[in-house]
C-alpha atoms as a PDB file:
ATOM      1  CA  UNK A   1      -9.166  15.293  -7.597  1.00  0.00           C
ATOM      2  CA  UNK A   2     -12.588  15.082  -5.933  1.00  0.00           C
ATOM      3  CA  UNK A   3     -14.004  11.702  -4.916  1.00  0.00           C
ATOM      4  CA  UNK A   4     -17.556  11.338  -3.594  1.00  0.00           C
ATOM      5  CA  UNK A   5     -18.449   8.597  -1.095  1.00  0.00           C
ATOM      6  CA  UNK A   6     -22.214   8.790  -0.506  1.00  0.00           C
ATOM      7  CA  UNK A   7     -22.863  12.276   0.843  1.00  0.00           C
ATOM      8  CA  UNK A   8     -19.213  12.781   1.824  1.00  0.00           C
ATOM      9  CA  UNK A   9     -16.903  14.772  -0.442  1.00  0.00           C
ATOM     10  CA  UNK A  10     -13.224  13.960  -0.079  1.00  0.00           C
ATOM     11  CA  UNK A  11     -10.494  16.066  -1.666  1.00  0.00           C
ATOM     12  CA  UNK A  12      -7.362  14.052  -2.426  1.00  0.00           C
ATOM     13  CA  UNK A  13      -4.105  15.817  -3.246  1.00  0.00           C
ATOM     14  CA  UNK A  14      -1.416  13.358  -4.349  1.00  0.00           C
ATOM     15  CA  UNK A  15       1.173  15.840  -5.589  1.00  0.00           C
ATOM     16  CA  UNK A  16       1.743  19.552  -6.082  1.00  0.00           C
ATOM     17  CA  UNK A  17       3.593  21.414  -8.805  1.00  0.00           C
ATOM     18  CA  UNK A  18       4.116  25.097  -8.165  1.00  0.00           C
ATOM     19  CA  UNK A  19       6.422  27.775  -6.775  1.00  0.00           C
ATOM     20  CA  UNK A  20       8.181  27.494  -3.432  1.00  0.00           C
ATOM     21  CA  UNK A  21       7.512  30.770  -1.616  1.00  0.00           C
ATOM     22  CA  UNK A  22       8.356  29.909   2.018  1.00  0.00           C
ATOM     23  CA  UNK A  23      10.438  27.336   3.877  1.00  0.00           C
ATOM     24  CA  UNK A  24      11.177  26.911   7.576  1.00  0.00           C
ATOM     25  CA  UNK A  25      11.392  23.277   8.615  1.00  0.00           C
ATOM     26  CA  UNK A  26       9.065  21.464   8.891  1.00  0.00           C
ATOM     27  CA  UNK A  27       6.806  23.900   7.003  1.00  0.00           C
ATOM     28  CA  UNK A  28       6.883  25.020   3.404  1.00  0.00           C
ATOM     29  CA  UNK A  29       4.364  26.947   1.315  1.00  0.00           C
ATOM     30  CA  UNK A  30       3.893  26.097  -2.346  1.00  0.00           C
ATOM     31  CA  UNK A  31       1.900  28.476  -4.543  1.00  0.00           C
ATOM     32  CA  UNK A  32      -0.169  26.725  -7.198  1.00  0.00           C
ATOM     33  CA  UNK A  33      -2.198  28.988  -9.510  1.00  0.00           C
ATOM     34  CA  UNK A  34      -2.494  31.714  -6.901  1.00  0.00           C
ATOM     35  CA  UNK A  35      -3.276  29.411  -3.980  1.00  0.00           C
ATOM     36  CA  UNK A  36      -0.689  28.848  -1.241  1.00  0.00           C
ATOM     37  CA  UNK A  37      -0.583  25.299   0.138  1.00  0.00           C
ATOM     38  CA  UNK A  38       1.072  24.929   3.556  1.00  0.00           C
ATOM     39  CA  UNK A  39       2.847  21.581   3.754  1.00  0.00           C
ATOM     40  CA  UNK A  40       4.475  19.645   6.596  1.00  0.00           C
ATOM     41  CA  UNK A  41       7.513  18.321   4.781  1.00  0.00           C
ATOM     42  CA  UNK A  42       9.801  15.381   5.426  1.00  0.00           C
ATOM     43  CA  UNK A  43      13.427  16.062   6.253  1.00  0.00           C
ATOM     44  CA  UNK A  44      14.607  14.516   2.983  1.00  0.00           C
ATOM     45  CA  UNK A  45      12.294  16.799   0.995  1.00  0.00           C
ATOM     46  CA  UNK A  46      13.444  19.852   2.959  1.00  0.00           C
ATOM     47  CA  UNK A  47      17.100  19.035   2.341  1.00  0.00           C
ATOM     48  CA  UNK A  48      16.443  18.834  -1.405  1.00  0.00           C
ATOM     49  CA  UNK A  49      14.365  21.992  -1.794  1.00  0.00           C
ATOM     50  CA  UNK A  50      15.271  24.382  -4.610  1.00  0.00           C
ATOM     51  CA  UNK A  51      15.877  28.092  -3.891  1.00  0.00           C
ATOM     52  CA  UNK A  52      12.863  30.204  -2.955  1.00  0.00           C
ATOM     53  CA  UNK A  53      10.632  31.234  -5.875  1.00  0.00           C
ATOM     54  CA  UNK A  54      11.773  28.230  -7.900  1.00  0.00           C
ATOM     55  CA  UNK A  55       9.434  25.633  -9.360  1.00  0.00           C
ATOM     56  CA  UNK A  56       8.895  22.598  -7.159  1.00  0.00           C
ATOM     57  CA  UNK A  57       7.133  19.264  -7.612  1.00  0.00           C
ATOM     58  CA  UNK A  58       6.437  17.113  -4.559  1.00  0.00           C
ATOM     59  CA  UNK A  59       4.343  14.102  -3.600  1.00  0.00           C
ATOM     60  CA  UNK A  60       1.754  14.781  -0.913  1.00  0.00           C
ATOM     61  CA  UNK A  61      -0.763  13.172   1.403  1.00  0.00           C
ATOM     62  CA  UNK A  62      -3.870  14.983   2.641  1.00  0.00           C
ATOM     63  CA  UNK A  63      -4.849  13.990   6.174  1.00  0.00           C
ATOM     64  CA  UNK A  64      -8.463  14.773   7.041  1.00  0.00           C
ATOM     65  CA  UNK A  65      -9.440  15.010  10.719  1.00  0.00           C
ATOM     66  CA  UNK A  66     -12.505  16.342  12.489  1.00  0.00           C
ATOM     67  CA  UNK A  67     -11.048  19.801  13.038  1.00  0.00           C
ATOM     68  CA  UNK A  68      -8.474  20.335  10.290  1.00  0.00           C
ATOM     69  CA  UNK A  69      -6.933  19.385   6.983  1.00  0.00           C
ATOM     70  CA  UNK A  70      -3.167  18.792   6.996  1.00  0.00           C
ATOM     71  CA  UNK A  71      -0.993  18.324   3.943  1.00  0.00           C
ATOM     72  CA  UNK A  72       2.223  16.303   4.222  1.00  0.00           C
ATOM     73  CA  UNK A  73       4.953  16.449   1.586  1.00  0.00           C
ATOM     74  CA  UNK A  74       7.589  13.955   0.463  1.00  0.00           C
ATOM     75  CA  UNK A  75      10.688  13.827  -1.700  1.00  0.00           C
ATOM     76  CA  UNK A  76       9.514  10.908  -3.857  1.00  0.00           C
ATOM     77  CA  UNK A  77       6.793   8.331  -4.390  1.00  0.00           C
ATOM     78  CA  UNK A  78       8.519   5.695  -2.256  1.00  0.00           C
ATOM     79  CA  UNK A  79       8.526   8.002   0.759  1.00  0.00           C
ATOM     80  CA  UNK A  80       4.863   8.900   0.211  1.00  0.00           C
ATOM     81  CA  UNK A  81       3.827   5.244  -0.045  1.00  0.00           C
ATOM     82  CA  UNK A  82       5.820   4.284   3.049  1.00  0.00           C
ATOM     83  CA  UNK A  83       4.162   7.130   4.973  1.00  0.00           C
ATOM     84  CA  UNK A  84       0.732   5.885   3.941  1.00  0.00           C
ATOM     85  CA  UNK A  85       1.653   2.334   4.871  1.00  0.00           C
ATOM     86  CA  UNK A  86       2.661   3.501   8.360  1.00  0.00           C
ATOM     87  CA  UNK A  87      -0.541   5.468   8.874  1.00  0.00           C
ATOM     88  CA  UNK A  88      -2.861   2.801   7.458  1.00  0.00           C
ATOM     89  CA  UNK A  89      -1.243  -0.379   8.761  1.00  0.00           C
ATOM     90  CA  UNK A  90       0.330   0.390  12.141  1.00  0.00           C
ATOM     91  CA  UNK A  91      -2.095   0.937  15.011  1.00  0.00           C
ATOM     92  CA  UNK A  92      -1.168   3.970  17.079  1.00  0.00           C
ATOM     93  CA  UNK A  93       0.909   5.672  14.378  1.00  0.00           C
ATOM     94  CA  UNK A  94      -0.606   8.947  13.212  1.00  0.00           C
ATOM     95  CA  UNK A  95       0.644  11.185  10.410  1.00  0.00           C
ATOM     96  CA  UNK A  96       3.029  13.273  12.517  1.00  0.00           C
ATOM     97  CA  UNK A  97       4.542  10.193  14.109  1.00  0.00           C
ATOM     98  CA  UNK A  98       4.890   8.602  10.668  1.00  0.00           C
ATOM     99  CA  UNK A  99       6.716  11.709   9.470  1.00  0.00           C
ATOM    100  CA  UNK A 100       9.017  11.558  12.519  1.00  0.00           C
ATOM    101  CA  UNK A 101       9.850   7.952  11.667  1.00  0.00           C
ATOM    102  CA  UNK A 102      10.764   8.819   8.078  1.00  0.00           C
ATOM    103  CA  UNK A 103      12.837  11.784   9.241  1.00  0.00           C
ATOM    104  CA  UNK A 104      15.032   9.376  11.216  1.00  0.00           C
ATOM    105  CA  UNK A 105      14.836   6.319   8.955  1.00  0.00           C
ATOM    106  CA  UNK A 106      14.309   6.729   5.190  1.00  0.00           C
ATOM    107  CA  UNK A 107      12.217   3.950   3.583  1.00  0.00           C
ATOM    108  CA  UNK A 108      15.140   1.630   2.809  1.00  0.00           C
ATOM    109  CA  UNK A 109      16.581   1.976   6.326  1.00  0.00           C
ATOM    110  CA  UNK A 110      13.152   1.518   7.918  1.00  0.00           C
ATOM    111  CA  UNK A 111      12.624  -1.664   5.931  1.00  0.00           C
ATOM    112  CA  UNK A 112      16.037  -2.945   7.033  1.00  0.00           C
ATOM    113  CA  UNK A 113      15.306  -2.135  10.697  1.00  0.00           C
ATOM    114  CA  UNK A 114      11.941  -3.897  10.495  1.00  0.00           C
ATOM    115  CA  UNK A 115      13.521  -6.875   8.743  1.00  0.00           C
ATOM    116  CA  UNK A 116      16.051  -7.430  11.527  1.00  0.00           C
ATOM    117  CA  UNK A 117      13.495  -6.601  14.271  1.00  0.00           C
ATOM    118  CA  UNK A 118      15.597  -3.752  15.625  1.00  0.00           C
ATOM    119  CA  UNK A 119      13.220  -2.741  18.429  1.00  0.00           C
ATOM    120  CA  UNK A 120      15.931  -0.729  20.157  1.00  0.00           C
ATOM    121  CA  UNK A 121      16.511   1.544  17.170  1.00  0.00           C
ATOM    122  CA  UNK A 122      12.809   1.974  16.454  1.00  0.00           C
ATOM    123  CA  UNK A 123      11.914   2.788  20.071  1.00  0.00           C
ATOM    124  CA  UNK A 124      14.444   5.658  20.101  1.00  0.00           C
ATOM    125  CA  UNK A 125      12.390   7.583  17.541  1.00  0.00           C
ATOM    126  CA  UNK A 126      10.335  10.415  19.025  1.00  0.00           C
ATOM    127  CA  UNK A 127       6.771   9.239  19.655  1.00  0.00           C
ATOM    128  CA  UNK A 128       7.646   5.540  19.384  1.00  0.00           C
ATOM    129  CA  UNK A 129       7.633   3.506  22.582  1.00  0.00           C
ATOM    130  CA  UNK A 130       8.452  -0.150  23.052  1.00  0.00           C
ATOM    131  CA  UNK A 131       4.921  -1.347  22.244  1.00  0.00           C
ATOM    132  CA  UNK A 132       4.676   0.713  19.072  1.00  0.00           C
ATOM    133  CA  UNK A 133       8.131  -0.476  18.000  1.00  0.00           C
ATOM    134  CA  UNK A 134       6.899  -4.076  18.259  1.00  0.00           C
ATOM    135  CA  UNK A 135       3.766  -3.224  16.264  1.00  0.00           C
ATOM    136  CA  UNK A 136       5.914  -1.580  13.598  1.00  0.00           C
ATOM    137  CA  UNK A 137       7.941  -4.740  13.166  1.00  0.00           C
ATOM    138  CA  UNK A 138       5.001  -7.152  13.148  1.00  0.00           C
ATOM    139  CA  UNK A 139       2.603  -5.158  10.974  1.00  0.00           C
ATOM    140  CA  UNK A 140       5.093  -3.755   8.465  1.00  0.00           C
ATOM    141  CA  UNK A 141       6.951  -7.035   8.113  1.00  0.00           C
ATOM    142  CA  UNK A 142       3.676  -8.784   7.255  1.00  0.00           C
ATOM    143  CA  UNK A 143       2.825  -6.180   4.608  1.00  0.00           C
ATOM    144  CA  UNK A 144       6.261  -6.254   3.000  1.00  0.00           C
ATOM    145  CA  UNK A 145       6.474 -10.051   3.204  1.00  0.00           C
ATOM    146  CA  UNK A 146       3.191 -10.392   1.309  1.00  0.00           C
ATOM    147  CA  UNK A 147       4.457  -8.163  -1.488  1.00  0.00           C
ATOM    148  CA  UNK A 148       7.793  -9.971  -1.698  1.00  0.00           C
ATOM    149  CA  UNK A 149       6.183 -13.422  -1.676  1.00  0.00           C
ATOM    150  CA  UNK A 150       3.826 -12.426  -4.462  1.00  0.00           C
ATOM    151  CA  UNK A 151       6.722 -10.999  -6.445  1.00  0.00           C
ATOM    152  CA  UNK A 152       8.898 -14.095  -6.068  1.00  0.00           C
ATOM    153  CA  UNK A 153       6.014 -16.347  -7.128  1.00  0.00           C
ATOM    154  CA  UNK A 154       6.007 -14.753 -10.573  1.00  0.00           C
ATOM    155  CA  UNK A 155       3.563 -11.884 -10.196  1.00  0.00           C
ATOM    156  CA  UNK A 156       6.124  -9.111 -10.575  1.00  0.00           C
ATOM    157  CA  UNK A 157       5.231  -6.408 -13.057  1.00  0.00           C
ATOM    158  CA  UNK A 158       8.500  -4.883 -14.192  1.00  0.00           C
ATOM    159  CA  UNK A 159      10.691  -5.789 -11.232  1.00  0.00           C
ATOM    160  CA  UNK A 160      10.359  -6.499  -7.548  1.00  0.00           C
ATOM    161  CA  UNK A 161      10.587  -2.860  -6.510  1.00  0.00           C
ATOM    162  CA  UNK A 162       7.871  -1.711  -8.903  1.00  0.00           C
ATOM    163  CA  UNK A 163       5.595  -4.571  -7.889  1.00  0.00           C
ATOM    164  CA  UNK A 164       6.010  -3.877  -4.177  1.00  0.00           C
ATOM    165  CA  UNK A 165       5.374  -0.160  -4.607  1.00  0.00           C
ATOM    166  CA  UNK A 166       2.285  -0.740  -6.759  1.00  0.00           C
ATOM    167  CA  UNK A 167       0.862  -3.246  -4.303  1.00  0.00           C
ATOM    168  CA  UNK A 168       1.519  -0.948  -1.344  1.00  0.00           C
ATOM    169  CA  UNK A 169      -0.126   1.945  -3.169  1.00  0.00           C
ATOM    170  CA  UNK A 170      -3.306  -0.017  -3.909  1.00  0.00           C
ATOM    171  CA  UNK A 171      -3.514  -1.331  -0.345  1.00  0.00           C
ATOM    172  CA  UNK A 172      -3.027   2.213   0.975  1.00  0.00           C
ATOM    173  CA  UNK A 173      -5.934   3.288  -1.249  1.00  0.00           C
ATOM    174  CA  UNK A 174      -8.152   0.731   0.482  1.00  0.00           C
ATOM    175  CA  UNK A 175      -7.967  -2.365  -1.721  1.00  0.00           C
ATOM    176  CA  UNK A 176      -7.665  -5.806  -0.140  1.00  0.00           C
ATOM    177  CA  UNK A 177      -4.424  -7.507  -1.129  1.00  0.00           C
ATOM    178  CA  UNK A 178      -6.076 -10.330  -3.162  1.00  0.00           C
ATOM    179  CA  UNK A 179      -8.058  -7.793  -5.197  1.00  0.00           C
ATOM    180  CA  UNK A 180      -4.979  -5.589  -5.645  1.00  0.00           C
ATOM    181  CA  UNK A 181      -2.955  -8.572  -6.877  1.00  0.00           C
ATOM    182  CA  UNK A 182      -5.708  -9.498  -9.327  1.00  0.00           C
ATOM    183  CA  UNK A 183      -5.682  -6.004 -10.841  1.00  0.00           C
ATOM    184  CA  UNK A 184      -1.882  -5.912 -10.997  1.00  0.00           C
ATOM    185  CA  UNK A 185      -1.753  -9.203 -12.904  1.00  0.00           C
ATOM    186  CA  UNK A 186      -4.298  -7.960 -15.448  1.00  0.00           C
ATOM    187  CA  UNK A 187      -2.374  -4.736 -16.011  1.00  0.00           C
ATOM    188  CA  UNK A 188       0.926  -6.608 -16.342  1.00  0.00           C
ATOM    189  CA  UNK A 189      -0.475  -8.853 -19.057  1.00  0.00           C
ATOM    190  CA  UNK A 190      -1.480  -5.823 -21.133  1.00  0.00           C
ATOM    191  CA  UNK A 191       1.434  -3.520 -20.278  1.00  0.00           C
ATOM    192  CA  UNK A 192       4.514  -5.547 -19.254  1.00  0.00           C
ATOM    193  CA  UNK A 193       6.918  -2.570 -19.385  1.00  0.00           C
ATOM    194  CA  UNK A 194       4.701   0.118 -17.840  1.00  0.00           C
ATOM    195  CA  UNK A 195       6.152   2.282 -15.058  1.00  0.00           C
ATOM    196  CA  UNK A 196       4.781   2.514 -11.519  1.00  0.00           C
ATOM    197  CA  UNK A 197       2.496   5.513 -11.944  1.00  0.00           C
ATOM    198  CA  UNK A 198       1.056   4.112 -15.168  1.00  0.00           C
ATOM    199  CA  UNK A 199       0.371   0.778 -13.477  1.00  0.00           C
ATOM    200  CA  UNK A 200      -1.507   2.416 -10.619  1.00  0.00           C
ATOM    201  CA  UNK A 201      -3.586   4.528 -13.023  1.00  0.00           C
ATOM    202  CA  UNK A 202      -4.514   1.439 -15.053  1.00  0.00           C
ATOM    203  CA  UNK A 203      -5.511  -0.442 -11.888  1.00  0.00           C
ATOM    204  CA  UNK A 204      -7.771   2.436 -10.865  1.00  0.00           C
ATOM    205  CA  UNK A 205      -9.339   2.445 -14.343  1.00  0.00           C
ATOM    206  CA  UNK A 206     -10.232  -1.217 -13.836  1.00  0.00           C
ATOM    207  CA  UNK A 207     -11.952  -0.266 -10.594  1.00  0.00           C
ATOM    208  CA  UNK A 208     -14.030   2.392 -12.358  1.00  0.00           C
ATOM    209  CA  UNK A 209     -14.890   0.073 -15.237  1.00  0.00           C
ATOM    210  CA  UNK A 210     -12.819   1.968 -17.806  1.00  0.00           C
ATOM    211  CA  UNK A 211     -10.185  -0.741 -18.282  1.00  0.00           C
END
């Protein structure tokens, strides 16, 4: 999907579906219509890879820097969204550090560690010092607390988990939380049983004026 911001063209790759042709942790290559995409993959994705030359679907995040484009791959949507939350919300955490965090602590375990302010555990992760561990707790706890508070106040879409994931996804895409909540409520009223990916698509349609 191509998105144009002014004179800047940004290429966003949210998932790949193709053939696995190479794997040596942390790298894999997925061939999609004759093009080989090199991906830095999470440990959980690597452990669940199919045999070589099998079809593979994975969630991805394209990181654009001044000198390179890097594609990161994840086992599921929750892992992708948590990665984006780390990169977008926590000062000092880049994509490779975020991947290192998820390789040690899957999303549910990371959330538990943040919830109990386990600085000791967090600071043992490669690339995470004491200061970054404190930022992880403060900044992630605030983000998750906002989603949970909104959910408990009656704004849940299908269930708490779906609401939290949808809110995190919209925030990761650049929406302010009040605006994201407004869109989520509108979509819920029209589609009370819609799944996560459908909800996000409908919210984006509202942004483009299609909804």
